[in-house]
């Protein structure tokens, strides 16, 4: 297996340093210097590889989006899952260990807040929301009538985001994340059971 290029290695180091800086300092106080210091790299590499701090911030959000996508694919690709099982896999992915980690939760919270002011982050957040909704709708349509599937997908997406947010803000989030996952699955089960689906 070929080794990744130095550019890819350095870019990943800077993205990971950005996550660490946001966890430690918050997005507002994260600077080129805090990122480069945590990465142990020259600050000039941020401009060289990304163009600037804002582009690196957006690259970090894209990285988290890709991690979320890959986590779902690992749970579903090349597996024969029933629609209900796939819905549960979507819930599990959104409450996975990575999505619960302090660097990621603090970064997501910062991104959501800043998305109201930064068009680039707002666009990425819209992609994230639409992807979650589309994935849920795909499976719900196999279990309930079309109109109900749309409503169920929107409700479940809102529950996942809402419970994730409440859990991330809790002083002791671990238990809250576990309960959130259970409640989201219970809602899905209730919706599908109304239409005679038990598997």
N, C-alpha and C. Protein backbone atom coordinates (compact mmCIF):
# COMPACT_ATOMS: atom_id res chain seq x y z
N UNK A 1 0.84 -1.19 0.00
CA UNK A 1 0.00 0.00 0.00
C UNK A 1 0.88 1.25 0.00
N UNK A 2 0.68 2.16 -0.98
CA UNK A 2 1.55 3.33 -1.07
C UNK A 2 1.37 4.26 0.14
N UNK A 3 2.46 4.88 0.52
CA UNK A 3 2.41 5.82 1.64
C UNK A 3 1.75 7.11 1.17
N UNK A 4 0.96 7.78 2.06
CA UNK A 4 0.36 9.06 1.67
C UNK A 4 1.43 10.11 1.42
N UNK A 5 1.13 11.03 0.53
CA UNK A 5 2.10 12.08 0.22
C UNK A 5 2.30 12.98 1.43
N UNK A 6 3.40 13.72 1.42
CA UNK A 6 3.69 14.63 2.53
C UNK A 6 2.60 15.70 2.63
N UNK A 7 2.06 16.11 1.49
CA UNK A 7 0.99 17.11 1.52
C UNK A 7 -0.22 16.59 2.29
N UNK A 8 -0.63 15.35 2.02
CA UNK A 8 -1.77 14.77 2.72
C UNK A 8 -1.49 14.63 4.21
N UNK A 9 -0.27 14.20 4.54
CA UNK A 9 0.11 14.06 5.95
C UNK A 9 0.05 15.40 6.67
N UNK A 10 0.61 16.44 6.06
CA UNK A 10 0.63 17.76 6.67
C UNK A 10 -0.79 18.33 6.79
N UNK A 11 -1.60 18.15 5.77
CA UNK A 11 -2.97 18.64 5.83
C UNK A 11 -3.74 17.97 6.96
N UNK A 12 -3.55 16.66 7.12
CA UNK A 12 -4.23 15.95 8.20
C UNK A 12 -3.74 16.43 9.57
N UNK A 13 -2.44 16.68 9.68
CA UNK A 13 -1.90 17.20 10.94
C UNK A 13 -2.53 18.54 11.30
N UNK A 14 -2.71 19.38 10.30
CA UNK A 14 -3.29 20.71 10.55
C UNK A 14 -4.77 20.62 10.89
N UNK A 15 -5.47 19.69 10.26
CA UNK A 15 -6.89 19.50 10.58
C UNK A 15 -7.04 18.99 12.02
N UNK A 16 -6.21 18.04 12.40
CA UNK A 16 -6.27 17.52 13.76
C UNK A 16 -5.88 18.59 14.78
N UNK A 17 -4.94 19.43 14.41
CA UNK A 17 -4.54 20.53 15.29
C UNK A 17 -5.66 21.55 15.41
N UNK A 18 -6.42 21.74 14.34
CA UNK A 18 -7.57 22.65 14.40
C UNK A 18 -8.62 22.13 15.36
N UNK A 19 -8.91 20.83 15.30
CA UNK A 19 -9.84 20.23 16.25
C UNK A 19 -9.36 20.42 17.68
N UNK A 20 -8.08 20.21 17.91
CA UNK A 20 -7.52 20.36 19.25
C UNK A 20 -7.58 21.81 19.71
N UNK A 21 -7.33 22.73 18.80
CA UNK A 21 -7.35 24.15 19.16
C UNK A 21 -8.76 24.62 19.49
N UNK A 22 -9.74 24.17 18.71
CA UNK A 22 -11.13 24.54 19.00
C UNK A 22 -11.56 23.97 20.34
N UNK A 23 -11.13 22.73 20.63
CA UNK A 23 -11.46 22.14 21.93
C UNK A 23 -10.86 22.97 23.06
N UNK A 24 -9.62 23.42 22.87
CA UNK A 24 -8.89 24.10 23.95
C UNK A 24 -9.25 25.58 24.06
N UNK A 25 -9.40 26.25 22.90
CA UNK A 25 -9.56 27.71 22.91
C UNK A 25 -10.91 28.19 22.41
N UNK A 26 -11.69 27.30 21.78
CA UNK A 26 -12.92 27.75 21.13
C UNK A 26 -12.61 28.24 19.73
N UNK A 27 -13.60 28.25 18.86
CA UNK A 27 -13.38 28.64 17.47
C UNK A 27 -12.97 30.11 17.37
N UNK A 28 -13.59 30.96 18.18
CA UNK A 28 -13.31 32.40 18.10
C UNK A 28 -11.85 32.71 18.42
N UNK A 29 -11.27 31.98 19.35
CA UNK A 29 -9.90 32.24 19.77
C UNK A 29 -8.89 31.29 19.12
N UNK A 30 -9.35 30.49 18.19
CA UNK A 30 -8.43 29.65 17.42
C UNK A 30 -7.81 30.51 16.32
N UNK A 31 -6.50 30.51 16.27
CA UNK A 31 -5.78 31.33 15.30
C UNK A 31 -4.79 30.47 14.51
N UNK A 32 -4.21 31.07 13.52
CA UNK A 32 -3.17 30.38 12.76
C UNK A 32 -2.04 29.94 13.70
N UNK A 33 -1.71 30.79 14.66
CA UNK A 33 -0.63 30.47 15.58
C UNK A 33 -0.99 29.32 16.52
N UNK A 34 -2.23 29.31 17.06
CA UNK A 34 -2.60 28.21 17.96
C UNK A 34 -2.63 26.88 17.21
N UNK A 35 -3.08 26.93 15.96
CA UNK A 35 -3.14 25.70 15.16
C UNK A 35 -1.73 25.21 14.83
N UNK A 36 -0.91 26.10 14.32
CA UNK A 36 0.45 25.69 13.91
C UNK A 36 1.27 25.23 15.12
N UNK A 37 1.04 25.87 16.27
CA UNK A 37 1.77 25.47 17.49
C UNK A 37 1.39 24.06 17.92
N UNK A 38 0.08 23.75 17.90
CA UNK A 38 -0.38 22.42 18.28
C UNK A 38 0.07 21.36 17.27
N UNK A 39 0.15 21.76 16.00
CA UNK A 39 0.59 20.83 14.96
C UNK A 39 2.10 20.65 14.97
N UNK A 40 2.82 21.60 15.57
CA UNK A 40 4.27 21.56 15.52
C UNK A 40 4.81 21.86 14.14
N UNK A 41 4.07 22.72 13.40
CA UNK A 41 4.43 23.05 12.03
C UNK A 41 4.49 24.55 11.84
N UNK A 42 5.14 24.98 10.80
CA UNK A 42 5.21 26.40 10.47
C UNK A 42 3.84 26.93 10.12
N UNK A 43 3.54 28.15 10.59
CA UNK A 43 2.24 28.77 10.29
C UNK A 43 2.06 29.00 8.80
N UNK A 44 3.18 29.14 8.08
CA UNK A 44 3.09 29.36 6.64
C UNK A 44 2.50 28.19 5.88
N UNK A 45 2.55 26.99 6.48
CA UNK A 45 1.98 25.82 5.81
C UNK A 45 0.47 25.89 5.71
N UNK A 46 -0.17 26.62 6.63
CA UNK A 46 -1.62 26.78 6.55
C UNK A 46 -2.01 27.52 5.28
N UNK A 47 -1.31 28.60 5.01
CA UNK A 47 -1.56 29.34 3.77
C UNK A 47 -1.16 28.51 2.55
N UNK A 48 -0.07 27.77 2.67
CA UNK A 48 0.43 26.98 1.55
C UNK A 48 -0.55 25.88 1.14
N UNK A 49 -1.10 25.17 2.15
CA UNK A 49 -1.96 24.02 1.85
C UNK A 49 -3.44 24.37 1.78
N UNK A 50 -3.86 25.43 2.48
CA UNK A 50 -5.30 25.71 2.55
C UNK A 50 -5.67 27.11 2.06
N UNK A 51 -4.73 28.02 2.03
CA UNK A 51 -5.04 29.38 1.60
C UNK A 51 -5.24 30.34 2.76
N UNK A 52 -5.57 29.82 3.93
CA UNK A 52 -5.78 30.67 5.10
C UNK A 52 -6.55 29.95 6.18
N UNK A 53 -6.78 30.65 7.28
CA UNK A 53 -7.45 30.03 8.42
C UNK A 53 -8.87 29.60 8.08
N UNK A 54 -9.64 30.47 7.41
CA UNK A 54 -11.04 30.15 7.14
C UNK A 54 -11.16 28.91 6.26
N UNK A 55 -10.27 28.80 5.29
CA UNK A 55 -10.29 27.62 4.42
C UNK A 55 -9.94 26.36 5.21
N UNK A 56 -9.03 26.48 6.17
CA UNK A 56 -8.69 25.34 7.01
C UNK A 56 -9.86 24.96 7.91
N UNK A 57 -10.57 25.95 8.44
CA UNK A 57 -11.75 25.67 9.25
C UNK A 57 -12.79 24.90 8.43
N UNK A 58 -13.01 25.34 7.20
CA UNK A 58 -13.98 24.65 6.34
C UNK A 58 -13.49 23.25 5.98
N UNK A 59 -12.19 23.10 5.76
CA UNK A 59 -11.63 21.78 5.48
C UNK A 59 -11.82 20.85 6.68
N UNK A 60 -11.75 21.40 7.88
CA UNK A 60 -11.96 20.60 9.09
C UNK A 60 -13.40 20.14 9.18
N UNK A 61 -14.34 21.01 8.82
CA UNK A 61 -15.74 20.59 8.83
C UNK A 61 -15.99 19.53 7.76
N UNK A 62 -15.38 19.70 6.59
CA UNK A 62 -15.53 18.68 5.54
C UNK A 62 -14.98 17.35 6.01
N UNK A 63 -13.87 17.40 6.76
CA UNK A 63 -13.29 16.18 7.32
C UNK A 63 -14.27 15.49 8.25
N UNK A 64 -14.92 16.24 9.13
CA UNK A 64 -15.90 15.65 10.04
C UNK A 64 -17.10 15.09 9.28
N UNK A 65 -17.53 15.78 8.24
CA UNK A 65 -18.62 15.27 7.40
C UNK A 65 -18.22 13.96 6.74
N UNK A 66 -16.99 13.89 6.26
CA UNK A 66 -16.53 12.67 5.61
C UNK A 66 -16.41 11.53 6.61
N UNK A 67 -15.96 11.83 7.83
CA UNK A 67 -15.87 10.79 8.85
C UNK A 67 -17.25 10.24 9.18
N UNK A 68 -18.24 11.12 9.23
CA UNK A 68 -19.61 10.70 9.49
C UNK A 68 -20.12 9.81 8.35
N UNK A 69 -19.82 10.21 7.12
CA UNK A 69 -20.23 9.43 5.95
C UNK A 69 -19.56 8.06 5.94
N UNK A 70 -18.26 8.02 6.20
CA UNK A 70 -17.53 6.76 6.18
C UNK A 70 -17.99 5.83 7.30
N UNK A 71 -18.34 6.41 8.45
CA UNK A 71 -18.83 5.59 9.57
C UNK A 71 -20.13 4.91 9.21
N UNK A 72 -21.01 5.61 8.51
CA UNK A 72 -22.27 5.00 8.08
C UNK A 72 -22.02 3.92 7.03
N UNK A 73 -21.14 4.21 6.09
CA UNK A 73 -20.83 3.22 5.05
C UNK A 73 -20.25 1.95 5.65
N UNK A 74 -19.43 2.09 6.69
CA UNK A 74 -18.84 0.90 7.32
C UNK A 74 -19.90 0.03 7.99
N UNK A 75 -21.01 0.66 8.38
CA UNK A 75 -22.08 -0.09 9.02
C UNK A 75 -23.06 -0.68 8.03
N UNK A 76 -23.05 -0.19 6.78
CA UNK A 76 -24.08 -0.60 5.83
C UNK A 76 -23.58 -1.24 4.54
N UNK A 77 -22.39 -0.89 4.10
CA UNK A 77 -21.89 -1.38 2.81
C UNK A 77 -21.63 -2.88 2.87
N UNK A 78 -22.04 -3.56 1.82
CA UNK A 78 -21.82 -5.01 1.67
C UNK A 78 -22.50 -5.81 2.78
N UNK A 79 -23.55 -5.24 3.35
CA UNK A 79 -24.32 -5.95 4.37
C UNK A 79 -25.79 -5.97 3.95
N UNK A 80 -26.44 -7.07 4.22
CA UNK A 80 -27.85 -7.18 3.90
C UNK A 80 -28.65 -6.73 5.12
N UNK A 81 -29.01 -5.45 5.12
CA UNK A 81 -29.74 -4.89 6.24
C UNK A 81 -31.20 -4.66 5.87
N UNK A 82 -32.07 -4.98 6.79
CA UNK A 82 -33.47 -4.61 6.63
C UNK A 82 -33.58 -3.09 6.79
N UNK A 83 -34.61 -2.48 6.20
CA UNK A 83 -34.75 -1.02 6.32
C UNK A 83 -34.71 -0.51 7.76
N UNK A 84 -35.35 -1.24 8.67
CA UNK A 84 -35.35 -0.82 10.07
C UNK A 84 -33.93 -0.90 10.66
N UNK A 85 -33.20 -1.93 10.28
CA UNK A 85 -31.82 -2.06 10.75
C UNK A 85 -30.96 -0.92 10.21
N UNK A 86 -31.21 -0.52 8.98
CA UNK A 86 -30.45 0.58 8.40
C UNK A 86 -30.78 1.89 9.12
N UNK A 87 -32.03 2.09 9.48
CA UNK A 87 -32.40 3.28 10.24
C UNK A 87 -31.67 3.31 11.59
N UNK A 88 -31.62 2.16 12.23
CA UNK A 88 -30.89 2.08 13.50
C UNK A 88 -29.41 2.37 13.30
N UNK A 89 -28.85 1.91 12.18
CA UNK A 89 -27.43 2.16 11.89
C UNK A 89 -27.16 3.65 11.71
N UNK A 90 -28.11 4.36 11.12
CA UNK A 90 -27.96 5.81 10.96
C UNK A 90 -27.91 6.49 12.33
N UNK A 91 -28.80 6.07 13.22
CA UNK A 91 -28.80 6.62 14.57
C UNK A 91 -27.47 6.33 15.26
N UNK A 92 -27.04 5.08 15.20
CA UNK A 92 -25.79 4.68 15.86
C UNK A 92 -24.60 5.48 15.33
N UNK A 93 -24.59 5.73 14.04
CA UNK A 93 -23.49 6.49 13.44
C UNK A 93 -23.42 7.91 14.00
N UNK A 94 -24.58 8.53 14.13
CA UNK A 94 -24.61 9.91 14.62
C UNK A 94 -24.29 10.03 16.11
N UNK A 95 -24.34 8.90 16.82
CA UNK A 95 -23.98 8.90 18.23
C UNK A 95 -22.76 8.00 18.49
N UNK A 96 -21.93 7.84 17.47
CA UNK A 96 -20.74 7.00 17.59
C UNK A 96 -19.72 7.64 18.53
N UNK A 97 -18.69 6.87 18.87
CA UNK A 97 -17.67 7.36 19.79
C UNK A 97 -16.99 8.63 19.27
N UNK A 98 -16.73 8.68 17.97
CA UNK A 98 -16.10 9.88 17.42
C UNK A 98 -17.00 11.09 17.60
N UNK A 99 -18.29 10.93 17.29
CA UNK A 99 -19.21 12.05 17.38
C UNK A 99 -19.46 12.49 18.82
N UNK A 100 -19.10 11.64 19.79
CA UNK A 100 -19.26 11.99 21.20
C UNK A 100 -17.99 12.60 21.79
N UNK A 101 -16.87 12.48 21.10
CA UNK A 101 -15.59 12.92 21.66
C UNK A 101 -15.58 14.43 21.88
N UNK A 102 -14.85 14.88 22.89
CA UNK A 102 -14.84 16.30 23.23
C UNK A 102 -14.34 17.19 22.10
N UNK A 103 -13.23 16.84 21.40
CA UNK A 103 -12.81 17.72 20.31
C UNK A 103 -13.88 17.86 19.23
N UNK A 104 -14.56 16.75 18.91
CA UNK A 104 -15.57 16.80 17.84
C UNK A 104 -16.83 17.51 18.30
N UNK A 105 -17.29 17.23 19.53
CA UNK A 105 -18.50 17.91 19.98
C UNK A 105 -18.28 19.43 20.07
N UNK A 106 -17.15 19.84 20.60
CA UNK A 106 -16.88 21.27 20.71
C UNK A 106 -16.75 21.91 19.33
N UNK A 107 -16.17 21.17 18.39
CA UNK A 107 -16.01 21.72 17.04
C UNK A 107 -17.35 21.82 16.33
N UNK A 108 -18.19 20.78 16.43
CA UNK A 108 -19.52 20.84 15.82
C UNK A 108 -20.33 21.99 16.40
N UNK A 109 -20.30 22.15 17.72
CA UNK A 109 -21.04 23.24 18.35
C UNK A 109 -20.57 24.60 17.85
N UNK A 110 -19.26 24.73 17.70
CA UNK A 110 -18.70 25.99 17.19
C UNK A 110 -19.10 26.21 15.74
N UNK A 111 -19.07 25.16 14.94
CA UNK A 111 -19.45 25.28 13.53
C UNK A 111 -20.91 25.70 13.39
N UNK A 112 -21.77 25.05 14.17
CA UNK A 112 -23.20 25.38 14.08
C UNK A 112 -23.43 26.85 14.40
N UNK A 113 -22.77 27.35 15.42
CA UNK A 113 -22.92 28.76 15.80
C UNK A 113 -22.38 29.68 14.71
N UNK A 114 -21.19 29.36 14.22
CA UNK A 114 -20.54 30.22 13.24
C UNK A 114 -21.20 30.13 11.87
N UNK A 115 -21.92 29.06 11.59
CA UNK A 115 -22.58 28.89 10.28
C UNK A 115 -23.59 29.99 10.01
N UNK A 116 -24.09 30.62 11.06
CA UNK A 116 -25.03 31.72 10.88
C UNK A 116 -24.36 32.96 10.30
N UNK A 117 -23.02 32.99 10.36
CA UNK A 117 -22.27 34.17 9.92
C UNK A 117 -21.33 33.88 8.75
N UNK A 118 -21.01 32.61 8.52
CA UNK A 118 -20.06 32.24 7.47
C UNK A 118 -20.75 31.41 6.39
N UNK A 119 -20.90 31.94 5.18
CA UNK A 119 -21.59 31.21 4.11
C UNK A 119 -20.99 29.84 3.82
N UNK A 120 -19.67 29.73 3.89
CA UNK A 120 -19.03 28.44 3.61
C UNK A 120 -19.42 27.39 4.61
N UNK A 121 -19.44 27.74 5.89
CA UNK A 121 -19.85 26.80 6.93
C UNK A 121 -21.34 26.51 6.84
N UNK A 122 -22.13 27.52 6.49
CA UNK A 122 -23.58 27.33 6.34
C UNK A 122 -23.86 26.33 5.23
N UNK A 123 -23.11 26.42 4.14
CA UNK A 123 -23.30 25.49 3.02
C UNK A 123 -22.97 24.07 3.44
N UNK A 124 -21.89 23.89 4.19
CA UNK A 124 -21.51 22.56 4.65
C UNK A 124 -22.52 22.01 5.65
N UNK A 125 -23.06 22.87 6.51
CA UNK A 125 -24.07 22.42 7.45
C UNK A 125 -25.34 22.00 6.72
N UNK A 126 -25.68 22.72 5.65
CA UNK A 126 -26.85 22.34 4.84
C UNK A 126 -26.64 20.97 4.20
N UNK A 127 -25.43 20.72 3.71
CA UNK A 127 -25.11 19.41 3.13
C UNK A 127 -25.29 18.32 4.18
N UNK A 128 -24.80 18.58 5.38
CA UNK A 128 -24.91 17.61 6.46
C UNK A 128 -26.38 17.30 6.79
N UNK A 129 -27.19 18.35 6.90
CA UNK A 129 -28.60 18.17 7.22
C UNK A 129 -29.34 17.41 6.13
N UNK A 130 -29.06 17.77 4.89
CA UNK A 130 -29.73 17.11 3.77
C UNK A 130 -29.32 15.65 3.64
N UNK A 131 -28.06 15.36 3.93
CA UNK A 131 -27.58 13.98 3.85
C UNK A 131 -28.28 13.11 4.90
N UNK A 132 -28.40 13.64 6.12
CA UNK A 132 -29.08 12.89 7.17
C UNK A 132 -30.54 12.65 6.80
N UNK A 133 -31.21 13.69 6.35
CA UNK A 133 -32.62 13.55 5.95
C UNK A 133 -32.79 12.55 4.81
N UNK A 134 -31.94 12.65 3.80
CA UNK A 134 -32.05 11.75 2.63
C UNK A 134 -31.82 10.30 3.02
N UNK A 135 -30.83 10.06 3.88
CA UNK A 135 -30.56 8.69 4.33
C UNK A 135 -31.74 8.11 5.10
N UNK A 136 -32.33 8.92 5.96
CA UNK A 136 -33.49 8.47 6.72
C UNK A 136 -34.68 8.23 5.80
N UNK A 137 -34.93 9.14 4.88
CA UNK A 137 -36.07 9.02 3.98
C UNK A 137 -35.97 7.77 3.12
N UNK A 138 -34.77 7.47 2.65
CA UNK A 138 -34.56 6.29 1.80
C UNK A 138 -35.10 5.02 2.48
N UNK A 139 -34.81 4.87 3.77
CA UNK A 139 -35.26 3.66 4.48
C UNK A 139 -36.71 3.75 4.93
N UNK A 140 -37.12 4.92 5.37
CA UNK A 140 -38.52 5.06 5.80
C UNK A 140 -39.49 4.77 4.65
N UNK A 141 -39.11 5.14 3.43
CA UNK A 141 -40.00 4.91 2.28
C UNK A 141 -40.24 3.43 2.02
N UNK A 142 -39.35 2.59 2.51
CA UNK A 142 -39.51 1.15 2.34
C UNK A 142 -40.42 0.55 3.42
N UNK A 143 -40.78 1.37 4.41
CA UNK A 143 -41.54 0.86 5.55
C UNK A 143 -42.92 1.49 5.71
N UNK A 144 -43.06 2.74 5.31
CA UNK A 144 -44.33 3.45 5.51
C UNK A 144 -44.69 4.20 4.23
N UNK A 145 -45.96 4.61 4.08
CA UNK A 145 -46.36 5.38 2.88
C UNK A 145 -45.52 6.64 2.72
N UNK A 146 -45.46 7.12 1.48
CA UNK A 146 -44.54 8.21 1.12
C UNK A 146 -44.71 9.45 1.99
N UNK A 147 -45.93 9.92 2.16
CA UNK A 147 -46.15 11.14 2.94
C UNK A 147 -45.69 10.96 4.38
N UNK A 148 -46.01 9.81 4.95
CA UNK A 148 -45.58 9.53 6.33
C UNK A 148 -44.07 9.37 6.41
N UNK A 149 -43.46 8.85 5.34
CA UNK A 149 -42.01 8.69 5.33
C UNK A 149 -41.31 10.04 5.40
N UNK A 150 -41.82 11.02 4.66
CA UNK A 150 -41.24 12.36 4.68
C UNK A 150 -41.32 12.96 6.08
N UNK A 151 -42.50 12.84 6.69
CA UNK A 151 -42.68 13.37 8.04
C UNK A 151 -41.78 12.66 9.04
N UNK A 152 -41.72 11.34 8.95
CA UNK A 152 -40.90 10.56 9.88
C UNK A 152 -39.42 10.89 9.72
N UNK A 153 -38.96 11.07 8.49
CA UNK A 153 -37.55 11.40 8.26
C UNK A 153 -37.21 12.77 8.85
N UNK A 154 -38.10 13.74 8.67
CA UNK A 154 -37.86 15.08 9.23
C UNK A 154 -37.87 15.04 10.75
N UNK A 155 -38.83 14.30 11.32
CA UNK A 155 -38.91 14.21 12.78
C UNK A 155 -37.68 13.51 13.36
N UNK A 156 -37.27 12.43 12.72
CA UNK A 156 -36.11 11.69 13.23
C UNK A 156 -34.83 12.50 13.12
N UNK A 157 -34.67 13.21 12.01
CA UNK A 157 -33.49 14.07 11.85
C UNK A 157 -33.45 15.13 12.94
N UNK A 158 -34.61 15.73 13.22
CA UNK A 158 -34.68 16.75 14.26
C UNK A 158 -34.38 16.16 15.63
N UNK A 159 -34.85 14.93 15.88
CA UNK A 159 -34.57 14.27 17.15
C UNK A 159 -33.08 13.98 17.30
N UNK A 160 -32.47 13.47 16.24
CA UNK A 160 -31.04 13.16 16.30
C UNK A 160 -30.24 14.43 16.60
N UNK A 161 -30.52 15.50 15.84
CA UNK A 161 -29.78 16.75 16.06
C UNK A 161 -30.07 17.32 17.45
N UNK A 162 -31.33 17.32 17.84
CA UNK A 162 -31.71 17.89 19.13
C UNK A 162 -31.14 17.13 20.30
N UNK A 163 -31.26 15.81 20.26
CA UNK A 163 -30.72 15.00 21.35
C UNK A 163 -29.20 15.07 21.38
N UNK A 164 -28.57 15.12 20.19
CA UNK A 164 -27.11 15.24 20.15
C UNK A 164 -26.69 16.55 20.81
N UNK A 165 -27.39 17.63 20.48
CA UNK A 165 -27.06 18.94 21.04
C UNK A 165 -27.23 18.96 22.55
N UNK A 166 -28.35 18.44 23.04
CA UNK A 166 -28.59 18.41 24.48
C UNK A 166 -27.54 17.57 25.19
N UNK A 167 -27.17 16.46 24.58
CA UNK A 167 -26.18 15.58 25.20
C UNK A 167 -24.80 16.24 25.22
N UNK A 168 -24.42 16.86 24.10
CA UNK A 168 -23.11 17.50 24.01
C UNK A 168 -22.95 18.63 25.02
N UNK A 169 -24.04 19.30 25.35
CA UNK A 169 -23.99 20.42 26.28
C UNK A 169 -24.10 19.98 27.74
N UNK A 170 -24.39 18.71 27.96
CA UNK A 170 -24.55 18.21 29.32
C UNK A 170 -23.18 18.07 30.00
N UNK A 171 -23.07 18.42 31.28
CA UNK A 171 -21.78 18.28 31.98
C UNK A 171 -21.27 16.84 32.02
N UNK A 172 -22.20 15.86 32.00
CA UNK A 172 -21.82 14.44 31.98
C UNK A 172 -22.49 13.81 30.77
N UNK A 173 -21.91 14.01 29.58
CA UNK A 173 -22.62 13.66 28.34
C UNK A 173 -22.73 12.18 28.03
N UNK A 174 -21.87 11.33 28.57
CA UNK A 174 -21.85 9.93 28.16
C UNK A 174 -23.20 9.25 28.33
N UNK A 175 -23.78 9.36 29.51
CA UNK A 175 -25.08 8.74 29.77
C UNK A 175 -26.16 9.36 28.91
N UNK A 176 -26.08 10.67 28.71
CA UNK A 176 -27.07 11.37 27.89
C UNK A 176 -27.03 10.90 26.45
N UNK A 177 -25.83 10.68 25.92
CA UNK A 177 -25.70 10.19 24.54
C UNK A 177 -26.32 8.80 24.41
N UNK A 178 -26.09 7.94 25.38
CA UNK A 178 -26.65 6.58 25.35
C UNK A 178 -28.17 6.64 25.36
N UNK A 179 -28.73 7.47 26.24
CA UNK A 179 -30.18 7.59 26.33
C UNK A 179 -30.75 8.20 25.05
N UNK A 180 -30.05 9.16 24.48
CA UNK A 180 -30.50 9.79 23.25
C UNK A 180 -30.62 8.78 22.12
N UNK A 181 -29.61 7.93 22.00
CA UNK A 181 -29.64 6.90 20.96
C UNK A 181 -30.82 5.96 21.16
N UNK A 182 -31.06 5.57 22.40
CA UNK A 182 -32.18 4.67 22.71
C UNK A 182 -33.52 5.32 22.37
N UNK A 183 -33.67 6.59 22.71
CA UNK A 183 -34.93 7.29 22.45
C UNK A 183 -35.18 7.48 20.95
N UNK A 184 -34.14 7.76 20.19
CA UNK A 184 -34.30 7.90 18.73
C UNK A 184 -34.73 6.58 18.11
N UNK A 185 -34.12 5.49 18.55
CA UNK A 185 -34.50 4.18 18.03
C UNK A 185 -35.93 3.83 18.43
N UNK A 186 -36.32 4.18 19.64
CA UNK A 186 -37.68 3.90 20.10
C UNK A 186 -38.71 4.66 19.26
N UNK A 187 -38.38 5.89 18.89
CA UNK A 187 -39.28 6.66 18.03
C UNK A 187 -39.43 6.00 16.67
N UNK A 188 -38.33 5.58 16.09
CA UNK A 188 -38.37 4.90 14.79
C UNK A 188 -39.22 3.64 14.88
N UNK A 189 -39.00 2.87 15.93
CA UNK A 189 -39.77 1.63 16.12
C UNK A 189 -41.26 1.93 16.24
N UNK A 190 -41.61 2.99 16.96
CA UNK A 190 -43.02 3.34 17.15
C UNK A 190 -43.66 3.75 15.83
N UNK A 191 -42.95 4.53 15.04
CA UNK A 191 -43.48 4.99 13.74
C UNK A 191 -43.73 3.81 12.81
N UNK A 192 -42.75 2.93 12.72
CA UNK A 192 -42.87 1.80 11.80
C UNK A 192 -43.90 0.77 12.29
N UNK A 193 -44.01 0.60 13.60
CA UNK A 193 -44.98 -0.35 14.14
C UNK A 193 -46.41 0.09 13.83
N UNK A 194 -46.64 1.39 13.78
CA UNK A 194 -47.97 1.90 13.45
C UNK A 194 -48.42 1.42 12.08
N UNK A 195 -47.47 1.13 11.23
CA UNK A 195 -47.78 0.70 9.86
C UNK A 195 -47.53 -0.80 9.67
N UNK A 196 -47.47 -1.51 10.77
CA UNK A 196 -47.39 -2.97 10.72
C UNK A 196 -46.00 -3.51 10.47
N UNK A 197 -44.95 -2.66 10.57
CA UNK A 197 -43.59 -3.15 10.37
C UNK A 197 -42.94 -3.40 11.71
N UNK A 198 -42.44 -4.60 11.90
CA UNK A 198 -41.75 -4.94 13.15
C UNK A 198 -40.29 -5.28 12.90
N UNK A 199 -39.88 -5.44 11.65
CA UNK A 199 -38.49 -5.75 11.32
C UNK A 199 -38.00 -4.84 10.21
